[in-house]
Amino acid sequence: MSRPSHIGNLDGTMSTHDSTSARPEQDSPGKTLWGGRFNAGMAPEMIPLNLSLGVDRRLWREDIRGSMAWARALAEAAVISDRECGLLLEGLEQVGARMEREGLSDAPDEDIHSAVERMLHETVGSVAGKLHTGRSRNDQSSTDVRLWGMAAADRVLEALRMLVGALLDMAEQGIDHVMPGYTHLQQGQPIRAAQWALAHAWAFLRDGERVRAARRAASVLPLGSGAVAGCPFPVNREGLRVALGFARVSENSVDAVSDRDWICDLVYAGAMAGMHLSRLGEDLVLFSSTEFGFVRLSDGFSTGSSLMPQKRNPDAAELARGKAGRLAGNLQAILTLLKGLPTGYNRDLQEDKVPLFDTVDTLLLTVPAMAGAVASAALRPERMLAAMDSQLLATDLADYLVRCGVPFRESHEVVGRLVRRAEDDGVPLAELPASVFHQEHRAFADDVYDVFDWLRSADARDSDGGTSRRAVVEQIEKARDRLAQG
């Protein structure tokens, strides 16, 4: 019985492919790129383990693009003739059109590089064998995935921009609404609802900075490094860099074929973004619940129950929260893969694309959904006010005494006793009689009740980054400027 292996479609989704169709020992032009050294074919048990086409097939555009640049570089170095270069370029264009049209669902090859070369041979004949001159799959694969990674980083950045924009729009809606600010999930101090939305916006702006840093790290050309020692032909690596859009050329051929730091950077950025998505999701789950009710998610980003007709489930937020574990796991996977490798290329690196591709796919699936959930959500300021306990203003009471010249440690103790008295009497802190305030400290005057004003409390925190109206408006402006610059 044949053993099925998983082969991905061009878009990265998975389909079932019979591993017996992948025959490294098959006749030209479908044979392996390395078979001359061997007398016997690959063992049946080894074939599915050796295959990587199911993962790297999505790199076909990058592989063709890099191959066209390499053909031109070989011609400029007089390694192949201009006529041969023209045939290769025309053939590669036809291979690309064929892949676009037919896909690779029945391809027998072990990887995308073998598939492109086989199809090129079918298109232009034996001249296809000249394309790989001076090039190894080591620098070829590294170049392909870096090209893919730079474009992927751009897509992730655009998705993050949409999410940050939605959070900033929500912040503008919440400028003049107050809500409890929480520490330890206990009410702490009054904040503007805008301040809560901005806290998430700044986190995702930092994620964007990490993605941009990973993109810069990816923008190093390894092509021309060969298998490990460099290229023996006088190809113009600087010309290759310009043609393929890299920022710089790799400095060391051994490092170039084994460097996957940029993948770690991008997967780490994804793990951090996942953590921030999870925290936003957790807030939305809590705040959209009946017990809080501060936010209402739209129908488009909620689901119902198959049993309970009344249910309104925040599934977008919950799914985002769940994806965080996957993103964190990808970071662990790539770090574990790389930690014990000796210098140079090792076949273990075939596995580098799995966490990379999955991280990008997961972010591009989750971030737009969360952006839509935030953009269509509604703040419910009346529920925020209803939830606020006057104990939120205990710190303001302590500050009142400080302004009267009382040391903060003493004022903290005094207000703590007042809070305990209010709890014992079963009344809100703001409704304690004036006599009780006066008994606790002579500095309390009749204007003490002016402290119990939510917006006044928020506006008292007027330091940069604080929750006063001025500070919040300034934050929104700065965040929008940062977003525009990114």
Foldseek 3Di string as FASTA:
>chain_A
DFDWDWAAWLVLHTDIAGLVLQWCPDDPPLHDPPPPVDDDTDDSVCRRVQALNSQQVNLLVLLLLLLLLLLVLCCVLVVDDPVLSVLQNVLSVVLVVCCVVPICRSPNHRHSNSSSLRSSCVRRNPSSVSSCAQADVLLSVLSSVLLVLLVLLVLLLVLLLLQLVLLLVVLVVQLPFWFFDDDVNDGAAIFTPSLVSLVLSVLSLVLNVLSVVLNLVSLERLTQLHQANGGPTPGDVVSSSVSSVGPYYDDHSQCSSQDPVSLLSNLVSLLSVLVSLLVVLVCCQVCVDPVQVQKPWDQVQWDADPPDHVDTHRVLSVVSNVCSVVSVVLSVVQCVLRVPDDTGDDPSCSPSSVSSVVSSVSSSVRSNSSSNRSNRMDGDSVSRVVPDALVSLLVVQLVLVVVVVDPSVLSNVLSVVLVVVCVVVVHGSLPDDPVSVCVSDVSDDPCSSVSSDRLVRQLVQPDQSGRHSVNSVVSSVVSVVSSVVD
